[in-house]
Amino acid sequence: MPQKDPCQKQACEIQKCLQANNYVESKCQAVIQELRKCCARYPKGRSLVCSGFEKEEEEKLTLKLTSK
């Protein structure tokens, strides 16, 4: 049986918040930040729900390196 994603709860909280606020992302910044904190606690690749943040960080790093 696969291990439970350690940040799944935070991802579900984001979905609930977005649904409750007509998908206005700015109203859910606190729960989004909680997911980012959770993702920071685990090694890359450990949490599937964190893969979007990991990709975002890679893209920022790539842009920073290519703009020098």
Protein backbone atom coordinates (compact mmCIF):
# COMPACT_ATOMS: atom_id res chain seq x y z
CA MET A 1 0.00 0.00 0.00
CA PRO A 2 1.48 3.40 -0.97
CA GLN A 3 2.32 5.89 1.77
CA LYS A 4 -0.14 8.70 2.37
CA ASP A 5 0.96 12.04 0.95
CA PRO A 6 2.17 14.08 3.95
CA CYS A 7 0.72 17.34 2.57
CA GLN A 8 -2.61 16.00 1.29
CA LYS A 9 -4.55 17.60 4.15
CA GLN A 10 -3.24 21.08 3.28
CA ALA A 11 -4.04 20.55 -0.41
CA CYS A 12 -7.62 19.62 0.50
CA GLU A 13 -7.89 22.73 2.67
CA ILE A 14 -6.88 24.86 -0.33
CA GLN A 15 -9.62 23.26 -2.44
CA LYS A 16 -12.22 23.88 0.27
CA CYS A 17 -11.10 27.50 0.65
CA LEU A 18 -11.16 28.15 -3.08
CA GLN A 19 -14.64 26.64 -3.44
CA ALA A 20 -15.92 28.69 -0.49
CA ASN A 21 -14.47 31.90 -1.95
CA ASN A 22 -15.50 31.52 -5.61
CA TYR A 23 -11.94 30.58 -6.58
CA VAL A 24 -10.50 33.95 -5.56
CA GLU A 25 -6.93 32.85 -4.80
CA SER A 26 -6.07 35.99 -2.83
CA LYS A 27 -8.62 35.00 -0.16
CA CYS A 28 -6.81 31.69 0.42
CA GLN A 29 -3.24 32.89 0.88
CA ALA A 30 -3.06 31.61 4.48
CA VAL A 31 -3.92 28.02 3.51
CA ILE A 32 -1.64 28.19 0.47
CA GLN A 33 1.18 29.29 2.77
CA GLU A 34 0.46 26.32 5.04
CA LEU A 35 0.90 23.97 2.08
CA ARG A 36 4.19 25.68 1.17
CA LYS A 37 5.39 25.19 4.76
CA CYS A 38 4.43 21.53 4.63
CA CYS A 39 6.23 21.07 1.31
CA ALA A 40 9.37 22.68 2.73
CA ARG A 41 9.48 20.03 5.48
CA TYR A 42 9.81 17.10 3.07
CA PRO A 43 12.46 16.16 0.51
CA LYS A 44 11.73 16.88 -3.13
CA GLY A 45 9.58 14.17 -4.67
CA ARG A 46 8.17 12.94 -1.34
CA SER A 47 4.81 14.69 -1.75
CA LEU A 48 2.89 14.56 -5.02
CA VAL A 49 0.80 17.60 -4.06
CA CYS A 50 4.03 19.61 -3.70
CA SER A 51 5.19 18.90 -7.24
CA GLY A 52 3.65 22.14 -8.55
CA PHE A 53 5.57 24.23 -6.03
CA GLU A 54 8.76 22.30 -6.79
CA LYS A 55 8.34 22.98 -10.52
CA GLU A 56 7.66 26.67 -9.81
CA GLU A 57 10.89 26.93 -7.78
CA GLU A 58 12.89 25.23 -10.54
CA GLU A 59 11.51 27.67 -13.12
CA LYS A 60 12.38 30.68 -10.92
CA LEU A 61 15.92 29.36 -10.47
CA THR A 62 16.30 28.76 -14.21
CA LEU A 63 15.11 32.31 -14.99
CA LYS A 64 17.47 33.76 -12.41
CA LEU A 65 20.45 31.85 -13.84
CA THR A 66 19.68 32.73 -17.45
CA SER A 67 19.12 36.43 -16.75
CA LYS A 68 22.65 37.00 -15.44
